[in-house]
Amino acid sequence: MTSARASLARAVGMVCLAGALGILFGSSAMAGVIEVFHADSLGGPMSGLKKAFEGKHQGVTINLTPSTSRQLADRILKGETCDVFAPSSAPIANELVTKNAADWSVVFSANEMAVITAKGNPLGIQKIADLAKPGVSFVRITAEKDLGTGRTVEFLKRAATLEGKPELAQKIIDAAMAANSVPDTVRTVREGKANAGVVYFSAAVAAKNDLEIVRFPASVNLSDAIQNAAAVPHTAKNPKEAIEFVRFILSAEGQAILLQTGQPPVVPAIRKGKIPPELAN
């Protein structure tokens, strides 16, 4: 065989080998787009998780769709395509399982309610009673389907009671400006339309360059009740890739991102339903 023919034969062999490897491993290649529906309060954490995951999987794009957990669940139950559902409520995630819209759910992080103020906290707001002082304008979530509405009310009542002034909670609630969502509440305080507001701690952390955060004891901040979960609905077009993203959320790197963005990971994660093998540990 001439040198030219030998070179050609080697080239053909390499092409065939590459083709064989493509057939062998092509099925494991990740899809181009992963659709993630997540609670508004997970905006900061999901942005960080998206960036890190896409950096590890070239060619993969994660589309983030934020809204209230209830509204997103309703969209999925009506058949809308979603690869990963991440509500700020374990019961809502489990609802998909009980209604046969998903096989499993996993709780991966917690959250808490906190007060936000203008940068520098010019009015010196440190406790709930300060929100009732003359000249202090306060904004809260009031949307019917937003879990933050009820959680804000409960937080204010708990905190006011802890301070020995339970009667102030209703006064603050009644006098509050209305906001449609967590982002709307943050925006209202950031733009100076209100002096303070109540949002999830993770949302406050995401806006920490523009606002100040006032945190409260665990006995009143609802950290015992606010848990974020994930599920892969039956409407998922890319369930394999979706599971891989959830696995990343549960990894040490994913947990570090959650912690940095104001959502301490739940360790070990709370698993319910028919958990896929990839997420069993």
C-alpha atoms as a PDB file:
ATOM      1  CA  MET A   1       0.000   0.000   0.000  1.00  0.00           C
ATOM      2  CA  THR A   2       1.328   3.361  -0.973  1.00  0.00           C
ATOM      3  CA  SER A   3       1.835   6.097   1.577  1.00  0.00           C
ATOM      4  CA  ALA A   4      -1.085   8.059   0.068  1.00  0.00           C
ATOM      5  CA  ARG A   5      -3.392   5.048   0.245  1.00  0.00           C
ATOM      6  CA  ALA A   6      -2.285   4.326   3.830  1.00  0.00           C
ATOM      7  CA  SER A   7      -3.057   7.900   4.853  1.00  0.00           C
ATOM      8  CA  LEU A   8      -6.446   7.711   3.169  1.00  0.00           C
ATOM      9  CA  ALA A   9      -7.197   4.426   4.909  1.00  0.00           C
ATOM     10  CA  ARG A  10      -6.284   5.931   8.293  1.00  0.00           C
ATOM     11  CA  ALA A  11      -8.492   8.959   7.619  1.00  0.00           C
ATOM     12  CA  VAL A  12     -11.433   6.766   6.646  1.00  0.00           C
ATOM     13  CA  GLY A  13     -10.879   4.690   9.767  1.00  0.00           C
ATOM     14  CA  MET A  14     -10.924   7.778  11.989  1.00  0.00           C
ATOM     15  CA  VAL A  15     -14.139   8.990  10.374  1.00  0.00           C
ATOM     16  CA  CYS A  16     -15.767   5.613  10.928  1.00  0.00           C
ATOM     17  CA  LEU A  17     -14.601   5.564  14.548  1.00  0.00           C
ATOM     18  CA  ALA A  18     -15.972   9.053  15.112  1.00  0.00           C
ATOM     19  CA  GLY A  19     -19.270   7.987  13.589  1.00  0.00           C
ATOM     20  CA  ALA A  20     -19.415   4.925  15.809  1.00  0.00           C
ATOM     21  CA  LEU A  21     -18.702   6.991  18.893  1.00  0.00           C
ATOM     22  CA  GLY A  22     -21.399   9.426  17.825  1.00  0.00           C
ATOM     23  CA  ILE A  23     -23.917   6.585  17.602  1.00  0.00           C
ATOM     24  CA  LEU A  24     -22.737   5.196  20.923  1.00  0.00           C
ATOM     25  CA  PHE A  25     -22.824   8.435  22.874  1.00  0.00           C
ATOM     26  CA  GLY A  26     -25.205  10.568  20.849  1.00  0.00           C
ATOM     27  CA  SER A  27     -28.189   9.487  22.924  1.00  0.00           C
ATOM     28  CA  SER A  28     -26.541  10.920  26.049  1.00  0.00           C
ATOM     29  CA  ALA A  29     -26.071  14.365  24.519  1.00  0.00           C
ATOM     30  CA  MET A  30     -28.115  16.975  26.328  1.00  0.00           C
ATOM     31  CA  ALA A  31     -31.005  18.807  24.677  1.00  0.00           C
ATOM     32  CA  GLY A  32     -30.590  22.405  23.657  1.00  0.00           C
ATOM     33  CA  VAL A  33     -33.285  23.924  25.899  1.00  0.00           C
ATOM     34  CA  ILE A  34     -34.520  23.132  29.418  1.00  0.00           C
ATOM     35  CA  GLU A  35     -37.714  24.954  30.380  1.00  0.00           C
ATOM     36  CA  VAL A  36     -37.778  25.836  34.089  1.00  0.00           C
ATOM     37  CA  PHE A  37     -40.858  27.263  35.811  1.00  0.00           C
ATOM     38  CA  HIS A  38     -39.916  28.720  39.200  1.00  0.00           C
ATOM     39  CA  ALA A  39     -41.354  30.822  42.009  1.00  0.00           C
ATOM     40  CA  ASP A  40     -40.510  34.527  41.936  1.00  0.00           C
ATOM     41  CA  SER A  41     -38.556  34.108  45.182  1.00  0.00           C
ATOM     42  CA  LEU A  42     -36.174  31.723  43.397  1.00  0.00           C
ATOM     43  CA  GLY A  43     -35.142  34.358  40.844  1.00  0.00           C
ATOM     44  CA  GLY A  44     -31.676  34.979  42.295  1.00  0.00           C
ATOM     45  CA  PRO A  45     -30.815  31.332  43.022  1.00  0.00           C
ATOM     46  CA  MET A  46     -32.080  30.117  39.644  1.00  0.00           C
ATOM     47  CA  SER A  47     -30.052  32.738  37.782  1.00  0.00           C
ATOM     48  CA  GLY A  48     -26.919  31.500  39.541  1.00  0.00           C
ATOM     49  CA  LEU A  49     -27.767  27.837  38.963  1.00  0.00           C
ATOM     50  CA  LYS A  50     -28.537  28.520  35.285  1.00  0.00           C
ATOM     51  CA  LYS A  51     -25.185  30.217  34.711  1.00  0.00           C
ATOM     52  CA  ALA A  52     -23.204  27.467  36.410  1.00  0.00           C
ATOM     53  CA  PHE A  53     -25.094  24.618  34.716  1.00  0.00           C
ATOM     54  CA  GLU A  54     -24.845  26.125  31.242  1.00  0.00           C
ATOM     55  CA  GLY A  55     -21.127  26.629  31.831  1.00  0.00           C
ATOM     56  CA  LYS A  56     -20.746  22.897  32.403  1.00  0.00           C
ATOM     57  CA  HIS A  57     -22.939  21.856  29.478  1.00  0.00           C
ATOM     58  CA  GLN A  58     -21.987  23.734  26.334  1.00  0.00           C
ATOM     59  CA  GLY A  59     -24.874  24.203  23.905  1.00  0.00           C
ATOM     60  CA  VAL A  60     -27.510  23.875  26.626  1.00  0.00           C
ATOM     61  CA  THR A  61     -29.827  26.803  27.367  1.00  0.00           C
ATOM     62  CA  ILE A  62     -32.056  27.023  30.428  1.00  0.00           C
ATOM     63  CA  ASN A  63     -35.141  29.176  29.962  1.00  0.00           C
ATOM     64  CA  LEU A  64     -36.365  30.590  33.274  1.00  0.00           C
ATOM     65  CA  THR A  65     -40.044  31.458  33.688  1.00  0.00           C
ATOM     66  CA  PRO A  66     -40.801  33.141  37.034  1.00  0.00           C
ATOM     67  CA  SER A  67     -44.248  33.632  38.535  1.00  0.00           C
ATOM     68  CA  THR A  68     -46.241  32.606  41.596  1.00  0.00           C
ATOM     69  CA  SER A  69     -46.048  28.925  42.500  1.00  0.00           C
ATOM     70  CA  ARG A  70     -49.832  28.529  42.268  1.00  0.00           C
ATOM     71  CA  GLN A  71     -50.104  30.087  38.806  1.00  0.00           C
ATOM     72  CA  LEU A  72     -47.235  28.013  37.452  1.00  0.00           C
ATOM     73  CA  ALA A  73     -48.703  24.803  38.860  1.00  0.00           C
ATOM     74  CA  ASP A  74     -52.046  25.605  37.232  1.00  0.00           C
ATOM     75  CA  ARG A  75     -50.340  26.122  33.873  1.00  0.00           C
ATOM     76  CA  ILE A  76     -48.637  22.741  34.137  1.00  0.00           C
ATOM     77  CA  LEU A  77     -51.863  21.011  35.205  1.00  0.00           C
ATOM     78  CA  LYS A  78     -53.488  22.445  32.078  1.00  0.00           C
ATOM     79  CA  GLY A  79     -50.822  20.747  29.954  1.00  0.00           C
ATOM     80  CA  GLU A  80     -48.239  23.460  29.377  1.00  0.00           C
ATOM     81  CA  THR A  81     -44.715  22.230  28.629  1.00  0.00           C
ATOM     82  CA  CYS A  82     -42.323  22.422  31.582  1.00  0.00           C
ATOM     83  CA  ASP A  83     -39.127  20.447  32.176  1.00  0.00           C
ATOM     84  CA  VAL A  84     -38.468  21.490  35.794  1.00  0.00           C
ATOM     85  CA  PHE A  85     -41.027  22.956  38.194  1.00  0.00           C
ATOM     86  CA  ALA A  86     -39.577  24.706  41.271  1.00  0.00           C
ATOM     87  CA  PRO A  87     -42.249  26.206  43.537  1.00  0.00           C
ATOM     88  CA  SER A  88     -41.669  27.812  46.932  1.00  0.00           C
ATOM     89  CA  SER A  89     -44.045  25.287  48.446  1.00  0.00           C
ATOM     90  CA  ALA A  90     -43.508  21.568  48.986  1.00  0.00           C
ATOM     91  CA  PRO A  91     -47.295  20.930  49.093  1.00  0.00           C
ATOM     92  CA  ILE A  92     -47.752  22.526  45.661  1.00  0.00           C
ATOM     93  CA  ALA A  93     -44.947  20.381  44.236  1.00  0.00           C
ATOM     94  CA  ASN A  94     -46.546  17.292  45.795  1.00  0.00           C
ATOM     95  CA  GLU A  95     -49.905  18.317  44.316  1.00  0.00           C
ATOM     96  CA  LEU A  96     -48.521  17.486  40.879  1.00  0.00           C
ATOM     97  CA  VAL A  97     -47.679  14.022  42.170  1.00  0.00           C
ATOM     98  CA  THR A  98     -51.116  13.415  43.698  1.00  0.00           C
ATOM     99  CA  LYS A  99     -52.795  14.617  40.493  1.00  0.00           C
ATOM    100  CA  ASN A 100     -50.590  12.336  38.367  1.00  0.00           C
ATOM    101  CA  ALA A 101     -48.844  15.281  36.714  1.00  0.00           C
ATOM    102  CA  ALA A 102     -45.426  14.201  38.067  1.00  0.00           C
ATOM    103  CA  ASP A 103     -43.936  11.093  39.683  1.00  0.00           C
ATOM    104  CA  TRP A 104     -41.856  12.703  42.431  1.00  0.00           C
ATOM    105  CA  SER A 105     -40.723  15.863  44.164  1.00  0.00           C
ATOM    106  CA  VAL A 106     -37.682  16.858  46.195  1.00  0.00           C
ATOM    107  CA  VAL A 107     -37.287  19.694  48.726  1.00  0.00           C
ATOM    108  CA  PHE A 108     -33.900  21.319  48.176  1.00  0.00           C
ATOM    109  CA  SER A 109     -33.790  24.645  50.083  1.00  0.00           C
ATOM    110  CA  ALA A 110     -35.511  26.883  52.613  1.00  0.00           C
ATOM    111  CA  ASN A 111     -36.278  30.594  52.763  1.00  0.00           C
ATOM    112  CA  GLU A 112     -37.498  33.224  55.206  1.00  0.00           C
ATOM    113  CA  MET A 113     -39.362  36.514  55.237  1.00  0.00           C
ATOM    114  CA  ALA A 114     -37.369  39.722  55.756  1.00  0.00           C
ATOM    115  CA  VAL A 115     -37.870  43.468  55.719  1.00  0.00           C
ATOM    116  CA  ILE A 116     -36.206  45.582  53.015  1.00  0.00           C
ATOM    117  CA  THR A 117     -35.548  49.313  53.223  1.00  0.00           C
ATOM    118  CA  ALA A 118     -33.902  51.989  51.103  1.00  0.00           C
ATOM    119  CA  LYS A 119     -30.115  51.821  50.834  1.00  0.00           C
ATOM    120  CA  GLY A 120     -28.536  52.949  54.091  1.00  0.00           C
ATOM    121  CA  ASN A 121     -31.825  52.415  55.958  1.00  0.00           C
ATOM    122  CA  PRO A 122     -32.287  56.190  56.464  1.00  0.00           C
ATOM    123  CA  LEU A 123     -35.294  55.784  58.772  1.00  0.00           C
ATOM    124  CA  GLY A 124     -33.484  53.310  61.015  1.00  0.00           C
ATOM    125  CA  ILE A 125     -36.069  50.545  60.672  1.00  0.00           C
ATOM    126  CA  GLN A 126     -34.984  47.622  62.856  1.00  0.00           C
ATOM    127  CA  LYS A 127     -38.216  46.045  64.082  1.00  0.00           C
ATOM    128  CA  ILE A 128     -41.824  45.617  63.009  1.00  0.00           C
ATOM    129  CA  ALA A 129     -43.009  48.369  65.335  1.00  0.00           C
ATOM    130  CA  ASP A 130     -40.942  50.829  63.300  1.00  0.00           C
ATOM    131  CA  LEU A 131     -43.239  50.209  60.322  1.00  0.00           C
ATOM    132  CA  ALA A 132     -46.097  51.783  62.246  1.00  0.00           C
ATOM    133  CA  LYS A 133     -44.293  55.037  62.954  1.00  0.00           C
ATOM    134  CA  PRO A 134     -45.648  58.266  61.418  1.00  0.00           C
ATOM    135  CA  GLY A 135     -44.154  59.036  58.034  1.00  0.00           C
ATOM    136  CA  VAL A 136     -43.123  55.439  57.270  1.00  0.00           C
ATOM    137  CA  SER A 137     -44.670  54.038  54.084  1.00  0.00           C
ATOM    138  CA  PHE A 138     -44.826  50.267  53.792  1.00  0.00           C
ATOM    139  CA  VAL A 139     -45.584  47.971  50.850  1.00  0.00           C
ATOM    140  CA  ARG A 140     -46.646  44.317  50.897  1.00  0.00           C
ATOM    141  CA  ILE A 141     -47.692  41.615  48.436  1.00  0.00           C
ATOM    142  CA  THR A 142     -51.474  41.428  48.086  1.00  0.00           C
ATOM    143  CA  ALA A 143     -51.998  39.211  45.010  1.00  0.00           C
ATOM    144  CA  GLU A 144     -54.596  36.513  45.696  1.00  0.00           C
ATOM    145  CA  LYS A 145     -52.606  33.581  44.269  1.00  0.00           C
ATOM    146  CA  ASP A 146     -49.205  34.669  45.575  1.00  0.00           C
ATOM    147  CA  LEU A 147     -48.090  32.653  48.596  1.00  0.00           C
ATOM    148  CA  GLY A 148     -46.144  35.727  49.692  1.00  0.00           C
ATOM    149  CA  THR A 149     -49.428  37.472  50.532  1.00  0.00           C
ATOM    150  CA  GLY A 150     -50.384  35.155  53.382  1.00  0.00           C
ATOM    151  CA  ARG A 151     -46.786  34.655  54.444  1.00  0.00           C
ATOM    152  CA  THR A 152     -46.255  38.407  54.810  1.00  0.00           C
ATOM    153  CA  VAL A 153     -49.348  38.730  57.002  1.00  0.00           C
ATOM    154  CA  GLU A 154     -48.312  35.787  59.166  1.00  0.00           C
ATOM    155  CA  PHE A 155     -44.771  37.131  59.481  1.00  0.00           C
ATOM    156  CA  LEU A 156     -45.990  40.559  60.579  1.00  0.00           C
ATOM    157  CA  LYS A 157     -48.294  39.023  63.177  1.00  0.00           C
ATOM    158  CA  ARG A 158     -45.594  36.747  64.573  1.00  0.00           C
ATOM    159  CA  ALA A 159     -42.964  39.473  64.703  1.00  0.00           C
ATOM    160  CA  ALA A 160     -45.289  42.052  66.280  1.00  0.00           C
ATOM    161  CA  THR A 161     -46.298  39.516  68.929  1.00  0.00           C
ATOM    162  CA  LEU A 162     -42.652  38.737  69.671  1.00  0.00           C
ATOM    163  CA  GLU A 163     -42.061  42.460  70.193  1.00  0.00           C
ATOM    164  CA  GLY A 164     -44.959  42.586  72.630  1.00  0.00           C
ATOM    165  CA  LYS A 165     -47.147  44.729  70.369  1.00  0.00           C
ATOM    166  CA  PRO A 166     -49.464  42.308  68.548  1.00  0.00           C
ATOM    167  CA  GLU A 167     -52.039  45.045  67.942  1.00  0.00           C
ATOM    168  CA  LEU A 168     -49.637  46.812  65.543  1.00  0.00           C
ATOM    169  CA  ALA A 169     -49.676  43.993  62.979  1.00  0.00           C
ATOM    170  CA  GLN A 170     -53.183  44.692  61.679  1.00  0.00           C
ATOM    171  CA  LYS A 171     -52.545  48.431  61.669  1.00  0.00           C
ATOM    172  CA  ILE A 172     -49.472  47.913  59.461  1.00  0.00           C
ATOM    173  CA  ILE A 173     -51.318  45.451  57.217  1.00  0.00           C
ATOM    174  CA  ASP A 174     -54.279  47.764  56.672  1.00  0.00           C
ATOM    175  CA  ALA A 175     -52.120  50.824  55.931  1.00  0.00           C
ATOM    176  CA  ALA A 176     -49.773  49.068  53.506  1.00  0.00           C
ATOM    177  CA  MET A 177     -49.400  49.903  49.836  1.00  0.00           C
ATOM    178  CA  ALA A 178     -50.368  47.018  47.528  1.00  0.00           C
ATOM    179  CA  ALA A 179     -47.900  45.118  45.348  1.00  0.00           C
ATOM    180  CA  ASN A 180     -48.685  42.409  42.804  1.00  0.00           C
ATOM    181  CA  SER A 181     -45.602  40.285  43.413  1.00  0.00           C
ATOM    182  CA  VAL A 182     -42.213  39.941  45.084  1.00  0.00           C
ATOM    183  CA  PRO A 183     -40.430  41.770  42.218  1.00  0.00           C
ATOM    184  CA  ASP A 184     -43.070  44.509  42.382  1.00  0.00           C
ATOM    185  CA  THR A 185     -42.466  44.932  46.120  1.00  0.00           C
ATOM    186  CA  VAL A 186     -38.712  45.160  45.628  1.00  0.00           C
ATOM    187  CA  ARG A 187     -39.138  47.648  42.798  1.00  0.00           C
ATOM    188  CA  THR A 188     -41.459  49.864  44.875  1.00  0.00           C
ATOM    189  CA  VAL A 189     -38.875  50.191  47.654  1.00  0.00           C
ATOM    190  CA  ARG A 190     -35.951  50.523  45.255  1.00  0.00           C
ATOM    191  CA  GLU A 191     -37.660  53.397  43.433  1.00  0.00           C
ATOM    192  CA  GLY A 192     -38.394  55.194  46.709  1.00  0.00           C
ATOM    193  CA  LYS A 193     -42.162  54.850  46.444  1.00  0.00           C
ATOM    194  CA  ALA A 194     -42.175  53.089  49.829  1.00  0.00           C
ATOM    195  CA  ASN A 195     -39.747  53.189  52.746  1.00  0.00           C
ATOM    196  CA  ALA A 196     -39.949  49.483  53.498  1.00  0.00           C
ATOM    197  CA  GLY A 197     -41.467  46.198  52.390  1.00  0.00           C
ATOM    198  CA  VAL A 198     -41.539  42.501  53.231  1.00  0.00           C
ATOM    199  CA  VAL A 199     -40.138  39.965  50.770  1.00  0.00           C
ATOM    200  CA  TYR A 200     -38.373  36.626  50.772  1.00  0.00           C
ATOM    201  CA  PHE A 201     -34.790  36.779  52.003  1.00  0.00           C
ATOM    202  CA  SER A 202     -33.499  35.419  48.679  1.00  0.00           C
ATOM    203  CA  ALA A 203     -35.243  38.252  46.802  1.00  0.00           C
ATOM    204  CA  ALA A 204     -33.685  40.735  49.222  1.00  0.00           C
ATOM    205  CA  VAL A 205     -30.226  39.225  48.678  1.00  0.00           C
ATOM    206  CA  ALA A 206     -30.670  39.509  44.898  1.00  0.00           C
ATOM    207  CA  ALA A 207     -31.282  43.269  45.353  1.00  0.00           C
ATOM    208  CA  LYS A 208     -28.751  43.839  48.144  1.00  0.00           C
ATOM    209  CA  ASN A 209     -26.736  46.351  46.101  1.00  0.00           C
ATOM    210  CA  ASP A 210     -29.716  48.695  46.061  1.00  0.00           C
ATOM    211  CA  LEU A 211     -31.436  47.923  49.375  1.00  0.00           C
ATOM    212  CA  GLU A 212     -30.816  47.120  53.028  1.00  0.00           C
ATOM    213  CA  ILE A 213     -32.036  43.909  54.653  1.00  0.00           C
ATOM    214  CA  VAL A 214     -33.438  43.563  58.162  1.00  0.00           C
ATOM    215  CA  ARG A 215     -33.646  39.943  59.298  1.00  0.00           C
ATOM    216  CA  PHE A 216     -35.711  38.472  62.126  1.00  0.00           C
ATOM    217  CA  PRO A 217     -35.403  35.477  64.492  1.00  0.00           C
ATOM    218  CA  ALA A 218     -36.179  32.007  63.177  1.00  0.00           C
ATOM    219  CA  SER A 219     -39.142  31.804  65.559  1.00  0.00           C
ATOM    220  CA  VAL A 220     -41.022  34.403  63.479  1.00  0.00           C
ATOM    221  CA  ASN A 221     -39.445  34.559  59.989  1.00  0.00           C
ATOM    222  CA  LEU A 222     -41.337  31.464  58.698  1.00  0.00           C
ATOM    223  CA  SER A 223     -38.115  29.621  57.838  1.00  0.00           C
ATOM    224  CA  ASP A 224     -39.756  26.561  59.370  1.00  0.00           C
ATOM    225  CA  ALA A 225     -42.523  26.634  56.772  1.00  0.00           C
ATOM    226  CA  ILE A 226     -41.037  28.008  53.548  1.00  0.00           C
ATOM    227  CA  GLN A 227     -39.439  25.208  51.558  1.00  0.00           C
ATOM    228  CA  ASN A 228     -38.519  25.143  47.885  1.00  0.00           C
ATOM    229  CA  ALA A 229     -39.061  21.973  45.916  1.00  0.00           C
ATOM    230  CA  ALA A 230     -38.434  20.627  42.434  1.00  0.00           C
ATOM    231  CA  ALA A 231     -40.279  18.183  40.212  1.00  0.00           C
ATOM    232  CA  VAL A 232     -40.139  17.065  36.600  1.00  0.00           C
ATOM    233  CA  PRO A 233     -43.725  17.181  35.253  1.00  0.00           C
ATOM    234  CA  HIS A 234     -45.092  14.702  32.772  1.00  0.00           C
ATOM    235  CA  THR A 235     -45.307  17.570  30.272  1.00  0.00           C
ATOM    236  CA  ALA A 236     -41.480  17.725  30.156  1.00  0.00           C
ATOM    237  CA  LYS A 237     -40.045  17.411  26.652  1.00  0.00           C
ATOM    238  CA  ASN A 238     -36.560  16.729  28.011  1.00  0.00           C
ATOM    239  CA  PRO A 239     -37.008  14.738  31.239  1.00  0.00           C
ATOM    240  CA  LYS A 240     -33.486  13.301  31.181  1.00  0.00           C
ATOM    241  CA  GLU A 241     -31.905  16.739  30.990  1.00  0.00           C
ATOM    242  CA  ALA A 242     -34.367  18.034  33.575  1.00  0.00           C
ATOM    243  CA  ILE A 243     -33.308  15.359  36.056  1.00  0.00           C
ATOM    244  CA  GLU A 244     -29.685  16.285  35.417  1.00  0.00           C
ATOM    245  CA  PHE A 245     -30.447  19.901  36.301  1.00  0.00           C
ATOM    246  CA  VAL A 246     -32.196  18.849  39.517  1.00  0.00           C
ATOM    247  CA  ARG A 247     -29.199  16.652  40.308  1.00  0.00           C
ATOM    248  CA  PHE A 248     -26.991  19.722  39.901  1.00  0.00           C
ATOM    249  CA  ILE A 249     -29.205  21.701  42.281  1.00  0.00           C
ATOM    250  CA  LEU A 250     -28.674  18.967  44.889  1.00  0.00           C
ATOM    251  CA  SER A 251     -24.905  18.804  44.322  1.00  0.00           C
ATOM    252  CA  ALA A 252     -22.336  20.491  46.553  1.00  0.00           C
ATOM    253  CA  GLU A 253     -21.832  23.196  43.927  1.00  0.00           C
ATOM    254  CA  GLY A 254     -25.569  23.768  43.597  1.00  0.00           C
ATOM    255  CA  GLN A 255     -25.974  23.947  47.377  1.00  0.00           C
ATOM    256  CA  ALA A 256     -23.187  26.537  47.589  1.00  0.00           C
ATOM    257  CA  ILE A 257     -25.020  28.694  45.033  1.00  0.00           C
ATOM    258  CA  LEU A 258     -28.247  28.373  47.012  1.00  0.00           C
ATOM    259  CA  LEU A 259     -26.505  29.428  50.214  1.00  0.00           C
ATOM    260  CA  GLN A 260     -24.859  32.426  48.553  1.00  0.00           C
ATOM    261  CA  THR A 261     -28.174  33.598  47.137  1.00  0.00           C
ATOM    262  CA  GLY A 262     -30.097  33.512  50.409  1.00  0.00           C
ATOM    263  CA  GLN A 263     -31.580  30.020  50.330  1.00  0.00           C
ATOM    264  CA  PRO A 264     -29.826  27.617  52.694  1.00  0.00           C
ATOM    265  CA  PRO A 265     -30.013  24.102  51.248  1.00  0.00           C
ATOM    266  CA  VAL A 266     -32.049  21.428  53.005  1.00  0.00           C
ATOM    267  CA  VAL A 267     -29.587  18.628  53.752  1.00  0.00           C
ATOM    268  CA  PRO A 268     -30.420  15.883  53.253  1.00  0.00           C
ATOM    269  CA  ALA A 269     -32.974  16.814  50.638  1.00  0.00           C
ATOM    270  CA  ILE A 270     -36.516  15.593  51.351  1.00  0.00           C
ATOM    271  CA  ARG A 271     -37.530  13.134  48.636  1.00  0.00           C
ATOM    272  CA  LYS A 272     -41.087  11.965  47.954  1.00  0.00           C
ATOM    273  CA  GLY A 273     -42.602   9.706  45.318  1.00  0.00           C
ATOM    274  CA  LYS A 274     -40.877   7.510  42.735  1.00  0.00           C
ATOM    275  CA  ILE A 275     -37.458   9.154  42.861  1.00  0.00           C
ATOM    276  CA  PRO A 276     -35.288   8.440  39.785  1.00  0.00           C
ATOM    277  CA  PRO A 277     -32.046   6.538  40.500  1.00  0.00           C
ATOM    278  CA  GLU A 278     -29.961   9.585  39.576  1.00  0.00           C
ATOM    279  CA  LEU A 279     -31.475  11.496  42.521  1.00  0.00           C
ATOM    280  CA  ALA A 280     -31.681   8.651  45.028  1.00  0.00           C
ATOM    281  CA  ASN A 281     -28.647   9.746  47.044  1.00  0.00           C
END
